[in-house]
C-alpha atoms as a PDB file:
ATOM      1  CA  MET A   1      97.877  -1.452  55.371  1.00  0.00           C
ATOM      2  CA  SER A   2      97.426   0.253  52.018  1.00  0.00           C
ATOM      3  CA  GLU A   3      97.073   3.607  53.745  1.00  0.00           C
ATOM      4  CA  LEU A   4     100.753   3.429  54.747  1.00  0.00           C
ATOM      5  CA  GLY A   5     101.643   3.855  51.092  1.00  0.00           C
ATOM      6  CA  GLU A   6      99.303   6.811  50.845  1.00  0.00           C
ATOM      7  CA  THR A   7     100.495   8.437  54.065  1.00  0.00           C
ATOM      8  CA  HIS A   8     104.191   8.036  53.250  1.00  0.00           C
ATOM      9  CA  GLN A   9     104.085   8.188  49.448  1.00  0.00           C
ATOM     10  CA  ASP A  10     107.736   9.047  48.934  1.00  0.00           C
ATOM     11  CA  LYS A  11     109.060   6.492  51.459  1.00  0.00           C
ATOM     12  CA  VAL A  12     106.726   3.486  51.491  1.00  0.00           C
ATOM     13  CA  THR A  13     105.577   1.161  48.727  1.00  0.00           C
ATOM     14  CA  VAL A  14     102.786  -1.267  49.527  1.00  0.00           C
ATOM     15  CA  GLU A  15     102.471  -4.433  47.468  1.00  0.00           C
ATOM     16  CA  HIS A  16      99.943  -7.234  47.850  1.00  0.00           C
ATOM     17  CA  TYR A  17     100.506 -10.763  46.579  1.00  0.00           C
ATOM     18  CA  ASP A  18      98.066 -13.621  46.208  1.00  0.00           C
ATOM     19  CA  ALA A  19      99.803 -16.457  48.055  1.00  0.00           C
ATOM     20  CA  THR A  20      97.434 -19.039  46.617  1.00  0.00           C
ATOM     21  CA  ILE A  21      99.035 -18.868  43.157  1.00  0.00           C
ATOM     22  CA  GLU A  22     102.561 -19.308  41.819  1.00  0.00           C
ATOM     23  CA  PRO A  23     105.144 -17.851  42.139  1.00  0.00           C
ATOM     24  CA  HIS A  24     104.025 -16.569  45.539  1.00  0.00           C
ATOM     25  CA  LYS A  25     102.607 -19.842  46.842  1.00  0.00           C
ATOM     26  CA  ASN A  26     105.943 -21.279  47.990  1.00  0.00           C
ATOM     27  CA  LYS A  27     107.280 -17.960  49.262  1.00  0.00           C
ATOM     28  CA  GLN A  28     104.737 -17.759  52.086  1.00  0.00           C
ATOM     29  CA  GLN A  29     105.999 -21.017  53.552  1.00  0.00           C
ATOM     30  CA  GLY A  30     109.596 -19.852  53.212  1.00  0.00           C
ATOM     31  CA  TYR A  31     108.752 -16.885  55.391  1.00  0.00           C
ATOM     32  CA  GLY A  32     107.123 -19.140  57.972  1.00  0.00           C
ATOM     33  CA  PHE A  33     103.555 -18.155  57.144  1.00  0.00           C
ATOM     34  CA  GLN A  34     100.798 -20.766  57.288  1.00  0.00           C
ATOM     35  CA  SER A  35      98.369 -18.906  55.048  1.00  0.00           C
ATOM     36  CA  HIS A  36      99.324 -15.220  54.977  1.00  0.00           C
ATOM     37  CA  GLY A  37     101.451 -12.601  56.641  1.00  0.00           C
ATOM     38  CA  LEU A  38     103.130  -9.249  56.407  1.00  0.00           C
ATOM     39  CA  LEU A  39     106.747  -8.371  55.615  1.00  0.00           C
ATOM     40  CA  ILE A  40     108.448  -5.024  55.735  1.00  0.00           C
ATOM     41  CA  GLN A  41     111.655  -4.731  53.790  1.00  0.00           C
ATOM     42  CA  ASN A  42     114.200  -1.933  53.768  1.00  0.00           C
ATOM     43  CA  LYS A  43     115.554  -0.265  50.618  1.00  0.00           C
ATOM     44  CA  THR A  44     117.997  -3.109  49.989  1.00  0.00           C
ATOM     45  CA  GLY A  45     115.363  -5.824  50.404  1.00  0.00           C
ATOM     46  CA  ASP A  46     116.326  -7.026  53.875  1.00  0.00           C
ATOM     47  CA  ILE A  47     113.361  -8.062  56.036  1.00  0.00           C
ATOM     48  CA  VAL A  48     113.158  -5.666  58.988  1.00  0.00           C
ATOM     49  CA  PHE A  49     109.725  -6.666  60.306  1.00  0.00           C
ATOM     50  CA  LYS A  50     107.557  -9.770  59.964  1.00  0.00           C
ATOM     51  CA  GLN A  51     104.259 -10.957  61.382  1.00  0.00           C
ATOM     52  CA  ALA A  52     102.565 -14.191  60.377  1.00  0.00           C
ATOM     53  CA  ASP A  53      98.985 -15.190  59.806  1.00  0.00           C
ATOM     54  CA  HIS A  54      96.496 -13.965  62.403  1.00  0.00           C
ATOM     55  CA  ALA A  55      99.249 -12.451  64.543  1.00  0.00           C
ATOM     56  CA  VAL A  56      99.365  -9.440  62.193  1.00  0.00           C
ATOM     57  CA  ASN A  57      98.577  -6.433  64.341  1.00  0.00           C
ATOM     58  CA  GLU A  58      97.789  -3.234  62.452  1.00  0.00           C
ATOM     59  CA  ASN A  59      98.761  -0.953  65.340  1.00  0.00           C
ATOM     60  CA  GLU A  60     102.140  -2.663  65.772  1.00  0.00           C
ATOM     61  CA  VAL A  61     102.822  -2.432  62.040  1.00  0.00           C
ATOM     62  CA  LYS A  62     101.980   1.275  61.914  1.00  0.00           C
ATOM     63  CA  ALA A  63     104.089   1.993  65.018  1.00  0.00           C
ATOM     64  CA  PHE A  64     107.042   0.114  63.535  1.00  0.00           C
ATOM     65  CA  VAL A  65     106.801   2.014  60.236  1.00  0.00           C
ATOM     66  CA  GLU A  66     106.606   5.377  61.978  1.00  0.00           C
ATOM     67  CA  THR A  67     109.625   4.565  64.174  1.00  0.00           C
ATOM     68  CA  TYR A  68     111.614   3.075  61.299  1.00  0.00           C
ATOM     69  CA  LEU A  69     111.022   6.074  59.031  1.00  0.00           C
ATOM     70  CA  LYS A  70     112.233   8.446  61.733  1.00  0.00           C
ATOM     71  CA  LYS A  71     115.570   6.582  61.826  1.00  0.00           C
ATOM     72  CA  ASP A  72     115.987   6.607  58.052  1.00  0.00           C
END
């Protein structure tokens, strides 16, 4: 997913967090993730897309980002 930040440098920021350490450890469960997942937030921090654990689908994520950026 890091390439999304490279492809859309002025519109997308990609951040990775280690969910096995604090303070991120409890956040993953709050989002409904068992072990990992992916969130996309808008400029104000609202979650606009979420996929959990092994349901993360790279093609769906990329399609969502492309569509979402066209609206913005």
